[in-house]
Amino acid sequence: MQNSMITTALELPGYRIVRNIGVIRGITVRSRSIIGNIFGGLQSLLGGNITIYTSLCERARADTYELMCSHARQLGANAVVAMRYDATELMAGLTEVLCYGTAVLVEPSTPQS
């Protein structure tokens, strides 16, 4: 499934939805390591972007995105609409990241004359 076939919108321009397959998701739970906490703490003393945490967040989002895409492919979808991310702190240092959307089957719209 191409990234161009995944959107946060409710429809995909140039395509029409021919079948709504259903809700799909990817989920991961991440924790910060002791080393990460030490380096993150040092970076927070200096202010600015705390790159070790930024990297952790980006990895978590990428992993959940790939899991969501895999789930969509398993169900036979060729596109995803209404894609969203959500994150919840389960406990101190432990975060759940969720990527979800609606798996659909689309086909190109025919130009109207």
PDB file of N, CA and C in Angstrom:
ATOM      1  N   MET A   1       0.860  -1.169   0.000  1.00  0.00           N
ATOM      2  CA  MET A   1       0.000   0.000   0.000  1.00  0.00           C
ATOM      3  C   MET A   1       0.904   1.229   0.000  1.00  0.00           C
ATOM      4  N   GLN A   2       0.659   2.136  -0.908  1.00  0.00           N
ATOM      5  CA  GLN A   2       1.466   3.351  -1.029  1.00  0.00           C
ATOM      6  C   GLN A   2       1.020   4.388  -0.002  1.00  0.00           C
ATOM      7  N   ASN A   3       1.980   5.192   0.462  1.00  0.00           N
ATOM      8  CA  ASN A   3       1.640   6.267   1.399  1.00  0.00           C
ATOM      9  C   ASN A   3       0.619   7.235   0.814  1.00  0.00           C
ATOM     10  N   SER A   4       0.603   7.376  -0.513  1.00  0.00           N
ATOM     11  CA  SER A   4      -0.355   8.282  -1.141  1.00  0.00           C
ATOM     12  C   SER A   4      -1.793   7.761  -1.049  1.00  0.00           C
ATOM     13  N   MET A   5      -1.941   6.509  -0.657  1.00  0.00           N
ATOM     14  CA  MET A   5      -3.279   5.925  -0.536  1.00  0.00           C
ATOM     15  C   MET A   5      -3.743   5.903   0.923  1.00  0.00           C
ATOM     16  N   ILE A   6      -3.054   6.663   1.769  1.00  0.00           N
ATOM     17  CA  ILE A   6      -3.423   6.788   3.178  1.00  0.00           C
ATOM     18  C   ILE A   6      -3.607   8.259   3.467  1.00  0.00           C
ATOM     19  N   THR A   7      -4.758   8.594   4.054  1.00  0.00           N
ATOM     20  CA  THR A   7      -5.067  10.001   4.283  1.00  0.00           C
ATOM     21  C   THR A   7      -5.803  10.198   5.602  1.00  0.00           C
ATOM     22  N   THR A   8      -5.661  11.393   6.143  1.00  0.00           N
ATOM     23  CA  THR A   8      -6.437  11.753   7.329  1.00  0.00           C
ATOM     24  C   THR A   8      -7.827  12.253   6.931  1.00  0.00           C
ATOM     25  N   ALA A   9      -8.023  12.501   5.651  1.00  0.00           N
ATOM     26  CA  ALA A   9      -9.323  12.960   5.146  1.00  0.00           C
ATOM     27  C   ALA A   9     -10.313  11.797   5.108  1.00  0.00           C
ATOM     28  N   LEU A  10     -11.568  12.116   4.869  1.00  0.00           N
ATOM     29  CA  LEU A  10     -12.614  11.088   4.813  1.00  0.00           C
ATOM     30  C   LEU A  10     -12.779  10.490   3.427  1.00  0.00           C
ATOM     31  N   GLU A  11     -12.084  11.055   2.444  1.00  0.00           N
ATOM     32  CA  GLU A  11     -12.113  10.513   1.092  1.00  0.00           C
ATOM     33  C   GLU A  11     -10.760  10.735   0.450  1.00  0.00           C
ATOM     34  N   LEU A  12     -10.507  10.021  -0.621  1.00  0.00           N
ATOM     35  CA  LEU A  12      -9.242  10.094  -1.331  1.00  0.00           C
ATOM     36  C   LEU A  12      -9.510  10.748  -2.687  1.00  0.00           C
ATOM     37  N   PRO A  13      -9.007  11.966  -2.902  1.00  0.00           N
ATOM     38  CA  PRO A  13      -9.275  12.664  -4.167  1.00  0.00           C
ATOM     39  C   PRO A  13      -8.868  11.819  -5.379  1.00  0.00           C
ATOM     40  N   GLY A  14      -9.766  11.755  -6.355  1.00  0.00           N
ATOM     41  CA  GLY A  14      -9.514  10.989  -7.569  1.00  0.00           C
ATOM     42  C   GLY A  14      -9.925   9.534  -7.484  1.00  0.00           C
ATOM     43  N   TYR A  15     -10.448   9.137  -6.325  1.00  0.00           N
ATOM     44  CA  TYR A  15     -10.869   7.754  -6.117  1.00  0.00           C
ATOM     45  C   TYR A  15     -12.242   7.728  -5.479  1.00  0.00           C
ATOM     46  N   ARG A  16     -12.933   6.628  -5.693  1.00  0.00           N
ATOM     47  CA  ARG A  16     -14.203   6.447  -4.992  1.00  0.00           C
ATOM     48  C   ARG A  16     -14.121   5.170  -4.170  1.00  0.00           C
ATOM     49  N   ILE A  17     -14.707   5.220  -2.997  1.00  0.00           N
ATOM     50  CA  ILE A  17     -14.710   4.061  -2.110  1.00  0.00           C
ATOM     51  C   ILE A  17     -15.769   3.086  -2.600  1.00  0.00           C
ATOM     52  N   VAL A  18     -15.348   1.853  -2.897  1.00  0.00           N
ATOM     53  CA  VAL A  18     -16.293   0.844  -3.361  1.00  0.00           C
ATOM     54  C   VAL A  18     -16.623  -0.168  -2.266  1.00  0.00           C
ATOM     55  N   ARG A  19     -15.799  -0.184  -1.217  1.00  0.00           N
ATOM     56  CA  ARG A  19     -16.077  -1.088  -0.097  1.00  0.00           C
ATOM     57  C   ARG A  19     -15.407  -0.577   1.171  1.00  0.00           C
ATOM     58  N   ASN A  20     -16.183  -0.497   2.221  1.00  0.00           N
ATOM     59  CA  ASN A  20     -15.667  -0.126   3.533  1.00  0.00           C
ATOM     60  C   ASN A  20     -15.339  -1.429   4.259  1.00  0.00           C
ATOM     61  N   ILE A  21     -14.065  -1.657   4.526  1.00  0.00           N
ATOM     62  CA  ILE A  21     -13.650  -2.917   5.144  1.00  0.00           C
ATOM     63  C   ILE A  21     -13.756  -2.847   6.668  1.00  0.00           C
ATOM     64  N   GLY A  22     -13.415  -1.694   7.231  1.00  0.00           N
ATOM     65  CA  GLY A  22     -13.559  -1.527   8.675  1.00  0.00           C
ATOM     66  C   GLY A  22     -12.362  -0.878   9.342  1.00  0.00           C
ATOM     67  N   VAL A  23     -12.449  -0.763  10.644  1.00  0.00           N
ATOM     68  CA  VAL A  23     -11.408  -0.119  11.443  1.00  0.00           C
ATOM     69  C   VAL A  23     -10.167  -1.014  11.499  1.00  0.00           C
ATOM     70  N   ILE A  24      -9.024  -0.385  11.297  1.00  0.00           N
ATOM     71  CA  ILE A  24      -7.747  -1.089  11.411  1.00  0.00           C
ATOM     72  C   ILE A  24      -6.875  -0.306  12.373  1.00  0.00           C
ATOM     73  N   ARG A  25      -5.859  -0.983  12.948  1.00  0.00           N
ATOM     74  CA  ARG A  25      -5.027  -0.287  13.911  1.00  0.00           C
ATOM     75  C   ARG A  25      -3.660  -0.923  13.994  1.00  0.00           C
ATOM     76  N   GLY A  26      -2.731  -0.130  14.511  1.00  0.00           N
ATOM     77  CA  GLY A  26      -1.409  -0.587  14.896  1.00  0.00           C
ATOM     78  C   GLY A  26      -1.162  -0.018  16.272  1.00  0.00           C
ATOM     79  N   ILE A  27      -0.618  -0.801  17.165  1.00  0.00           N
ATOM     80  CA  ILE A  27      -0.398  -0.337  18.531  1.00  0.00           C
ATOM     81  C   ILE A  27       0.976  -0.789  19.008  1.00  0.00           C
ATOM     82  N   THR A  28       1.618   0.065  19.769  1.00  0.00           N
ATOM     83  CA  THR A  28       2.889  -0.281  20.394  1.00  0.00           C
ATOM     84  C   THR A  28       2.955   0.395  21.757  1.00  0.00           C
ATOM     85  N   VAL A  29       3.668  -0.216  22.668  1.00  0.00           N
ATOM     86  CA  VAL A  29       3.888   0.364  23.991  1.00  0.00           C
ATOM     87  C   VAL A  29       5.386   0.532  24.145  1.00  0.00           C
ATOM     88  N   ARG A  30       5.818   1.731  24.468  1.00  0.00           N
ATOM     89  CA  ARG A  30       7.239   2.052  24.586  1.00  0.00           C
ATOM     90  C   ARG A  30       7.560   2.522  26.003  1.00  0.00           C
ATOM     91  N   SER A  31       8.773   2.228  26.409  1.00  0.00           N
ATOM     92  CA  SER A  31       9.274   2.761  27.675  1.00  0.00           C
ATOM     93  C   SER A  31      10.621   3.409  27.412  1.00  0.00           C
ATOM     94  N   ARG A  32      10.963   4.347  28.258  1.00  0.00           N
ATOM     95  CA  ARG A  32      12.275   4.987  28.171  1.00  0.00           C
ATOM     96  C   ARG A  32      13.261   4.122  28.946  1.00  0.00           C
ATOM     97  N   SER A  33      14.452   3.981  28.406  1.00  0.00           N
ATOM     98  CA  SER A  33      15.493   3.227  29.106  1.00  0.00           C
ATOM     99  C   SER A  33      16.156   4.123  30.148  1.00  0.00           C
ATOM    100  N   ILE A  34      16.886   3.531  31.046  1.00  0.00           N
ATOM    101  CA  ILE A  34      17.603   4.311  32.055  1.00  0.00           C
ATOM    102  C   ILE A  34      18.613   5.238  31.374  1.00  0.00           C
ATOM    103  N   ILE A  35      19.315   4.717  30.374  1.00  0.00           N
ATOM    104  CA  ILE A  35      20.281   5.536  29.627  1.00  0.00           C
ATOM    105  C   ILE A  35      19.560   6.701  28.952  1.00  0.00           C
ATOM    106  N   GLY A  36      18.423   6.394  28.319  1.00  0.00           N
ATOM    107  CA  GLY A  36      17.641   7.441  27.665  1.00  0.00           C
ATOM    108  C   GLY A  36      17.187   8.503  28.649  1.00  0.00           C
ATOM    109  N   ASN A  37      16.783   8.088  29.842  1.00  0.00           N
ATOM    110  CA  ASN A  37      16.355   9.042  30.865  1.00  0.00           C
ATOM    111  C   ASN A  37      17.510   9.937  31.312  1.00  0.00           C
ATOM    112  N   ILE A  38      18.694   9.355  31.432  1.00  0.00           N
ATOM    113  CA  ILE A  38      19.858  10.150  31.840  1.00  0.00           C
ATOM    114  C   ILE A  38      20.182  11.191  30.777  1.00  0.00           C
ATOM    115  N   PHE A  39      20.298  10.750  29.504  1.00  0.00           N
ATOM    116  CA  PHE A  39      20.608  11.688  28.424  1.00  0.00           C
ATOM    117  C   PHE A  39      19.481  12.704  28.224  1.00  0.00           C
ATOM    118  N   GLY A  40      18.240  12.245  28.323  1.00  0.00           N
ATOM    119  CA  GLY A  40      17.102  13.164  28.198  1.00  0.00           C
ATOM    120  C   GLY A  40      17.114  14.197  29.306  1.00  0.00           C
ATOM    121  N   GLY A  41      17.444  13.764  30.531  1.00  0.00           N
ATOM    122  CA  GLY A  41      17.525  14.692  31.655  1.00  0.00           C
ATOM    123  C   GLY A  41      18.609  15.731  31.453  1.00  0.00           C
ATOM    124  N   LEU A  42      19.751  15.296  30.940  1.00  0.00           N
ATOM    125  CA  LEU A  42      20.837  16.235  30.668  1.00  0.00           C
ATOM    126  C   LEU A  42      20.434  17.235  29.587  1.00  0.00           C
ATOM    127  N   GLN A  43      19.789  16.739  28.531  1.00  0.00           N
ATOM    128  CA  GLN A  43      19.350  17.636  27.462  1.00  0.00           C
ATOM    129  C   GLN A  43      18.298  18.612  27.967  1.00  0.00           C
ATOM    130  N   SER A  44      17.424  18.171  28.865  1.00  0.00           N
ATOM    131  CA  SER A  44      16.368  19.065  29.356  1.00  0.00           C
ATOM    132  C   SER A  44      16.955  20.202  30.191  1.00  0.00           C
ATOM    133  N   LEU A  45      18.113  19.985  30.799  1.00  0.00           N
ATOM    134  CA  LEU A  45      18.770  21.053  31.544  1.00  0.00           C
ATOM    135  C   LEU A  45      19.206  22.191  30.626  1.00  0.00           C
ATOM    136  N   LEU A  46      19.561  21.839  29.382  1.00  0.00           N
ATOM    137  CA  LEU A  46      20.012  22.831  28.425  1.00  0.00           C
ATOM    138  C   LEU A  46      18.855  23.483  27.666  1.00  0.00           C
ATOM    139  N   GLY A  47      17.693  22.886  27.722  1.00  0.00           N
ATOM    140  CA  GLY A  47      16.524  23.415  27.001  1.00  0.00           C
ATOM    141  C   GLY A  47      16.540  23.021  25.539  1.00  0.00           C
ATOM    142  N   GLY A  48      15.487  23.366  24.831  1.00  0.00           N
ATOM    143  CA  GLY A  48      15.393  23.069  23.410  1.00  0.00           C
ATOM    144  C   GLY A  48      14.828  21.680  23.143  1.00  0.00           C
ATOM    145  N   ASN A  49      15.053  21.213  21.932  1.00  0.00           N
ATOM    146  CA  ASN A  49      14.552  19.916  21.499  1.00  0.00           C
ATOM    147  C   ASN A  49      15.321  18.799  22.208  1.00  0.00           C
ATOM    148  N   ILE A  50      14.606  17.898  22.839  1.00  0.00           N
ATOM    149  CA  ILE A  50      15.232  16.772  23.525  1.00  0.00           C
ATOM    150  C   ILE A  50      15.251  15.617  22.526  1.00  0.00           C
ATOM    151  N   THR A  51      16.337  15.540  21.775  1.00  0.00           N
ATOM    152  CA  THR A  51      16.411  14.660  20.601  1.00  0.00           C
ATOM    153  C   THR A  51      16.223  13.193  20.923  1.00  0.00           C
ATOM    154  N   ILE A  52      16.669  12.731  22.072  1.00  0.00           N
ATOM    155  CA  ILE A  52      16.520  11.306  22.389  1.00  0.00           C
ATOM    156  C   ILE A  52      15.044  10.936  22.521  1.00  0.00           C
ATOM    157  N   TYR A  53      14.229  11.843  23.077  1.00  0.00           N
ATOM    158  CA  TYR A  53      12.796  11.577  23.203  1.00  0.00           C
ATOM    159  C   TYR A  53      12.087  11.768  21.865  1.00  0.00           C
ATOM    160  N   THR A  54      12.546  12.748  21.086  1.00  0.00           N
ATOM    161  CA  THR A  54      11.989  12.946  19.743  1.00  0.00           C
ATOM    162  C   THR A  54      12.186  11.688  18.907  1.00  0.00           C
ATOM    163  N   SER A  55      13.384  11.134  18.973  1.00  0.00           N
ATOM    164  CA  SER A  55      13.697   9.910  18.230  1.00  0.00           C
ATOM    165  C   SER A  55      12.818   8.747  18.689  1.00  0.00           C
ATOM    166  N   LEU A  56      12.630   8.609  19.982  1.00  0.00           N
ATOM    167  CA  LEU A  56      11.782   7.550  20.534  1.00  0.00           C
ATOM    168  C   LEU A  56      10.340   7.697  20.032  1.00  0.00           C
ATOM    169  N   CYS A  57       9.835   8.933  20.043  1.00  0.00           N
ATOM    170  CA  CYS A  57       8.462   9.181  19.573  1.00  0.00           C
ATOM    171  C   CYS A  57       8.317   8.882  18.087  1.00  0.00           C
ATOM    172  N   GLU A  58       9.290   9.309  17.297  1.00  0.00           N
ATOM    173  CA  GLU A  58       9.235   9.052  15.855  1.00  0.00           C
ATOM    174  C   GLU A  58       9.272   7.560  15.557  1.00  0.00           C
ATOM    175  N   ARG A  59      10.107   6.821  16.274  1.00  0.00           N
ATOM    176  CA  ARG A  59      10.167   5.364  16.077  1.00  0.00           C
ATOM    177  C   ARG A  59       8.842   4.709  16.436  1.00  0.00           C
ATOM    178  N   ALA A  60       8.259   5.138  17.544  1.00  0.00           N
ATOM    179  CA  ALA A  60       6.972   4.565  17.971  1.00  0.00           C
ATOM    180  C   ALA A  60       5.890   4.846  16.935  1.00  0.00           C
ATOM    181  N   ARG A  61       5.831   6.076  16.417  1.00  0.00           N
ATOM    182  CA  ARG A  61       4.827   6.415  15.401  1.00  0.00           C
ATOM    183  C   ARG A  61       5.048   5.619  14.126  1.00  0.00           C
ATOM    184  N   ALA A  62       6.305   5.507  13.696  1.00  0.00           N
ATOM    185  CA  ALA A  62       6.608   4.746  12.472  1.00  0.00           C
ATOM    186  C   ALA A  62       6.225   3.279  12.635  1.00  0.00           C
ATOM    187  N   ASP A  63       6.517   2.714  13.792  1.00  0.00           N
ATOM    188  CA  ASP A  63       6.173   1.307  14.036  1.00  0.00           C
ATOM    189  C   ASP A  63       4.659   1.093  14.006  1.00  0.00           C
ATOM    190  N   THR A  64       3.909   1.971  14.658  1.00  0.00           N
ATOM    191  CA  THR A  64       2.453   1.797  14.686  1.00  0.00           C
ATOM    192  C   THR A  64       1.847   2.017  13.306  1.00  0.00           C
ATOM    193  N   TYR A  65       2.422   2.953  12.551  1.00  0.00           N
ATOM    194  CA  TYR A  65       1.958   3.208  11.181  1.00  0.00           C
ATOM    195  C   TYR A  65       2.141   1.951  10.325  1.00  0.00           C
ATOM    196  N   GLU A  66       3.317   1.340  10.407  1.00  0.00           N
ATOM    197  CA  GLU A  66       3.579   0.120   9.634  1.00  0.00           C
ATOM    198  C   GLU A  66       2.659  -1.021  10.066  1.00  0.00           C
ATOM    199  N   LEU A  67       2.410  -1.142  11.368  1.00  0.00           N
ATOM    200  CA  LEU A  67       1.482  -2.176  11.852  1.00  0.00           C
ATOM    201  C   LEU A  67       0.071  -1.941  11.319  1.00  0.00           C
ATOM    202  N   MET A  68      -0.364  -0.672  11.297  1.00  0.00           N
ATOM    203  CA  MET A  68      -1.689  -0.344  10.765  1.00  0.00           C
ATOM    204  C   MET A  68      -1.764  -0.702   9.281  1.00  0.00           C
ATOM    205  N   CYS A  69      -0.729  -0.338   8.512  1.00  0.00           N
ATOM    206  CA  CYS A  69      -0.705  -0.657   7.075  1.00  0.00           C
ATOM    207  C   CYS A  69      -0.743  -2.162   6.848  1.00  0.00           C
ATOM    208  N   SER A  70      -0.008  -2.895   7.652  1.00  0.00           N
ATOM    209  CA  SER A  70       0.010  -4.355   7.551  1.00  0.00           C
ATOM    210  C   SER A  70      -1.376  -4.930   7.828  1.00  0.00           C
ATOM    211  N   HIS A  71      -2.049  -4.404   8.853  1.00  0.00           N
ATOM    212  CA  HIS A  71      -3.403  -4.856   9.186  1.00  0.00           C
ATOM    213  C   HIS A  71      -4.353  -4.595   8.008  1.00  0.00           C
ATOM    214  N   ALA A  72      -4.227  -3.420   7.395  1.00  0.00           N
ATOM    215  CA  ALA A  72      -5.079  -3.074   6.250  1.00  0.00           C
ATOM    216  C   ALA A  72      -4.838  -4.042   5.085  1.00  0.00           C
ATOM    217  N   ARG A  73      -3.560  -4.321   4.800  1.00  0.00           N
ATOM    218  CA  ARG A  73      -3.234  -5.261   3.706  1.00  0.00           C
ATOM    219  C   ARG A  73      -3.790  -6.654   3.989  1.00  0.00           C
ATOM    220  N   GLN A  74      -3.686  -7.105   5.236  1.00  0.00           N
ATOM    221  CA  GLN A  74      -4.205  -8.433   5.609  1.00  0.00           C
ATOM    222  C   GLN A  74      -5.703  -8.541   5.334  1.00  0.00           C
ATOM    223  N   LEU A  75      -6.416  -7.427   5.464  1.00  0.00           N
ATOM    224  CA  LEU A  75      -7.863  -7.430   5.244  1.00  0.00           C
ATOM    225  C   LEU A  75      -8.240  -7.168   3.792  1.00  0.00           C
ATOM    226  N   GLY A  76      -7.242  -6.946   2.923  1.00  0.00           N
ATOM    227  CA  GLY A  76      -7.508  -6.746   1.507  1.00  0.00           C
ATOM    228  C   GLY A  76      -7.752  -5.307   1.098  1.00  0.00           C
ATOM    229  N   ALA A  77      -7.421  -4.363   1.937  1.00  0.00           N
ATOM    230  CA  ALA A  77      -7.624  -2.941   1.609  1.00  0.00           C
ATOM    231  C   ALA A  77      -6.530  -2.451   0.675  1.00  0.00           C
ATOM    232  N   ASN A  78      -6.853  -1.455  -0.138  1.00  0.00           N
ATOM    233  CA  ASN A  78      -5.831  -0.803  -0.949  1.00  0.00           C
ATOM    234  C   ASN A  78      -5.697   0.676  -0.580  1.00  0.00           C
ATOM    235  N   ALA A  79      -6.426   1.098   0.461  1.00  0.00           N
ATOM    236  CA  ALA A  79      -6.331   2.483   0.929  1.00  0.00           C
ATOM    237  C   ALA A  79      -6.833   2.562   2.375  1.00  0.00           C
ATOM    238  N   VAL A  80      -6.446   3.657   3.041  1.00  0.00           N
ATOM    239  CA  VAL A  80      -6.906   3.928   4.402  1.00  0.00           C
ATOM    240  C   VAL A  80      -7.354   5.383   4.458  1.00  0.00           C
ATOM    241  N   VAL A  81      -8.547   5.607   4.981  1.00  0.00           N
ATOM    242  CA  VAL A  81      -9.042   6.971   5.181  1.00  0.00           C
ATOM    243  C   VAL A  81      -9.223   7.216   6.681  1.00  0.00           C
ATOM    244  N   ALA A  82      -9.313   8.476   7.041  1.00  0.00           N
ATOM    245  CA  ALA A  82      -9.537   8.893   8.433  1.00  0.00           C
ATOM    246  C   ALA A  82      -8.453   8.370   9.377  1.00  0.00           C
ATOM    247  N   MET A  83      -7.195   8.348   8.901  1.00  0.00           N
ATOM    248  CA  MET A  83      -6.082   7.869   9.711  1.00  0.00           C
ATOM    249  C   MET A  83      -5.776   8.869  10.820  1.00  0.00           C
ATOM    250  N   ARG A  84      -5.521   8.338  12.023  1.00  0.00           N
ATOM    251  CA  ARG A  84      -5.220   9.175  13.189  1.00  0.00           C
ATOM    252  C   ARG A  84      -4.163   8.500  14.046  1.00  0.00           C
ATOM    253  N   TYR A  85      -3.511   9.315  14.880  1.00  0.00           N
ATOM    254  CA  TYR A  85      -2.608   8.828  15.927  1.00  0.00           C
ATOM    255  C   TYR A  85      -3.203   9.196  17.273  1.00  0.00           C
ATOM    256  N   ASP A  86      -2.888   8.393  18.264  1.00  0.00           N
ATOM    257  CA  ASP A  86      -3.277   8.693  19.639  1.00  0.00           C
ATOM    258  C   ASP A  86      -2.164   8.148  20.534  1.00  0.00           C
ATOM    259  N   ALA A  87      -1.950   8.799  21.651  1.00  0.00           N
ATOM    260  CA  ALA A  87      -0.946   8.327  22.606  1.00  0.00           C
ATOM    261  C   ALA A  87      -1.499   8.488  24.013  1.00  0.00           C
ATOM    262  N   THR A  88      -1.190   7.521  24.853  1.00  0.00           N
ATOM    263  CA  THR A  88      -1.649   7.536  26.240  1.00  0.00           C
ATOM    264  C   THR A  88      -0.497   7.117  27.136  1.00  0.00           C
ATOM    265  N   GLU A  89      -0.275   7.866  28.182  1.00  0.00           N
ATOM    266  CA  GLU A  89       0.731   7.467  29.164  1.00  0.00           C
ATOM    267  C   GLU A  89       0.074   6.463  30.094  1.00  0.00           C
ATOM    268  N   LEU A  90       0.540   5.220  30.050  1.00  0.00           N
ATOM    269  CA  LEU A  90      -0.043   4.162  30.873  1.00  0.00           C
ATOM    270  C   LEU A  90       0.419   4.278  32.319  1.00  0.00           C
ATOM    271  N   MET A  91       1.678   4.664  32.488  1.00  0.00           N
ATOM    272  CA  MET A  91       2.271   4.928  33.795  1.00  0.00           C
ATOM    273  C   MET A  91       3.543   5.723  33.532  1.00  0.00           C
ATOM    274  N   ALA A  92       4.175   6.216  34.554  1.00  0.00           N
ATOM    275  CA  ALA A  92       5.371   7.036  34.365  1.00  0.00           C
ATOM    276  C   ALA A  92       6.400   6.289  33.512  1.00  0.00           C
ATOM    277  N   GLY A  93       6.759   6.880  32.373  1.00  0.00           N
ATOM    278  CA  GLY A  93       7.770   6.290  31.498  1.00  0.00           C
ATOM    279  C   GLY A  93       7.281   5.211  30.558  1.00  0.00           C
ATOM    280  N   LEU A  94       5.970   4.944  30.550  1.00  0.00           N
ATOM    281  CA  LEU A  94       5.408   3.886  29.710  1.00  0.00           C
ATOM    282  C   LEU A  94       4.256   4.466  28.896  1.00  0.00           C
ATOM    283  N   THR A  95       4.424   4.502  27.576  1.00  0.00           N
ATOM    284  CA  THR A  95       3.449   5.152  26.701  1.00  0.00           C
ATOM    285  C   THR A  95       2.950   4.205  25.627  1.00  0.00           C
ATOM    286  N   GLU A  96       1.644   4.228  25.425  1.00  0.00           N
ATOM    287  CA  GLU A  96       1.005   3.480  24.350  1.00  0.00           C
ATOM    288  C   GLU A  96       0.817   4.440  23.179  1.00  0.00           C
ATOM    289  N   VAL A  97       1.194   4.005  21.981  1.00  0.00           N
ATOM    290  CA  VAL A  97       0.969   4.786  20.769  1.00  0.00           C
ATOM    291  C   VAL A  97       0.089   3.955  19.854  1.00  0.00           C
ATOM    292  N   LEU A  98      -0.961   4.577  19.349  1.00  0.00           N
ATOM    293  CA  LEU A  98      -1.950   3.912  18.509  1.00  0.00           C
ATOM    294  C   LEU A  98      -2.079   4.670  17.195  1.00  0.00           C
ATOM    295  N   CYS A  99      -2.091   3.942  16.098  1.00  0.00           N
ATOM    296  CA  CYS A  99      -2.363   4.516  14.783  1.00  0.00           C
ATOM    297  C   CYS A  99      -3.561   3.742  14.241  1.00  0.00           C
ATOM    298  N   TYR A 100      -4.609   4.450  13.833  1.00  0.00           N
ATOM    299  CA  TYR A 100      -5.814   3.761  13.383  1.00  0.00           C
ATOM    300  C   TYR A 100      -6.477   4.519  12.244  1.00  0.00           C
ATOM    301  N   GLY A 101      -7.362   3.838  11.566  1.00  0.00           N
ATOM    302  CA  GLY A 101      -8.087   4.438  10.461  1.00  0.00           C
ATOM    303  C   GLY A 101      -9.132   3.462   9.951  1.00  0.00           C
ATOM    304  N   THR A 102      -9.696   3.789   8.800  1.00  0.00           N
ATOM    305  CA  THR A 102     -10.693   2.934   8.178  1.00  0.00           C
ATOM    306  C   THR A 102     -10.106   2.344   6.905  1.00  0.00           C
ATOM    307  N   ALA A 103     -10.034   1.029   6.848  1.00  0.00           N
ATOM    308  CA  ALA A 103      -9.545   0.333   5.659  1.00  0.00           C
ATOM    309  C   ALA A 103     -10.648   0.317   4.618  1.00  0.00           C
ATOM    310  N   VAL A 104     -10.284   0.662   3.396  1.00  0.00           N
ATOM    311  CA  VAL A 104     -11.266   0.709   2.314  1.00  0.00           C
ATOM    312  C   VAL A 104     -10.669   0.129   1.039  1.00  0.00           C
ATOM    313  N   LEU A 105     -11.549  -0.217   0.138  1.00  0.00           N
ATOM    314  CA  LEU A 105     -11.179  -0.613  -1.218  1.00  0.00           C
ATOM    315  C   LEU A 105     -11.631   0.524  -2.116  1.00  0.00           C
ATOM    316  N   VAL A 106     -10.689   1.090  -2.867  1.00  0.00           N
ATOM    317  CA  VAL A 106     -11.019   2.215  -3.742  1.00  0.00           C
ATOM    318  C   VAL A 106     -10.696   1.866  -5.184  1.00  0.00           C
ATOM    319  N   GLU A 107     -11.328   2.602  -6.083  1.00  0.00           N
ATOM    320  CA  GLU A 107     -10.993   2.511  -7.503  1.00  0.00           C
ATOM    321  C   GLU A 107     -10.996   3.932  -8.051  1.00  0.00           C
ATOM    322  N   PRO A 108     -10.222   4.162  -9.110  1.00  0.00           N
ATOM    323  CA  PRO A 108     -10.167   5.518  -9.663  1.00  0.00           C
ATOM    324  C   PRO A 108     -11.541   6.011 -10.080  1.00  0.00           C
ATOM    325  N   SER A 109     -11.790   7.270  -9.813  1.00  0.00           N
ATOM    326  CA  SER A 109     -13.050   7.894 -10.262  1.00  0.00           C
ATOM    327  C   SER A 109     -12.983   8.053 -11.766  1.00  0.00           C
ATOM    328  N   THR A 110     -14.101   7.844 -12.420  1.00  0.00           N
ATOM    329  CA  THR A 110     -14.134   8.054 -13.864  1.00  0.00           C
ATOM    330  C   THR A 110     -14.504   9.495 -14.104  1.00  0.00           C
ATOM    331  N   PRO A 111     -13.817  10.150 -15.042  1.00  0.00           N
ATOM    332  CA  PRO A 111     -14.157  11.541 -15.331  1.00  0.00           C
ATOM    333  C   PRO A 111     -15.583  11.653 -15.863  1.00  0.00           C
ATOM    334  N   GLN A 112     -16.299  12.639 -15.363  1.00  0.00           N
ATOM    335  CA  GLN A 112     -17.683  12.839 -15.803  1.00  0.00           C
ATOM    336  C   GLN A 112     -17.693  13.742 -17.017  1.00  0.00           C
ATOM    337  N   SER A 113     -18.502  13.389 -18.017  1.00  0.00           N
ATOM    338  CA  SER A 113     -18.561  14.207 -19.226  1.00  0.00           C
ATOM    339  C   SER A 113     -19.667  15.210 -19.197  1.00  0.00           C
TER     340      SER A 113
END
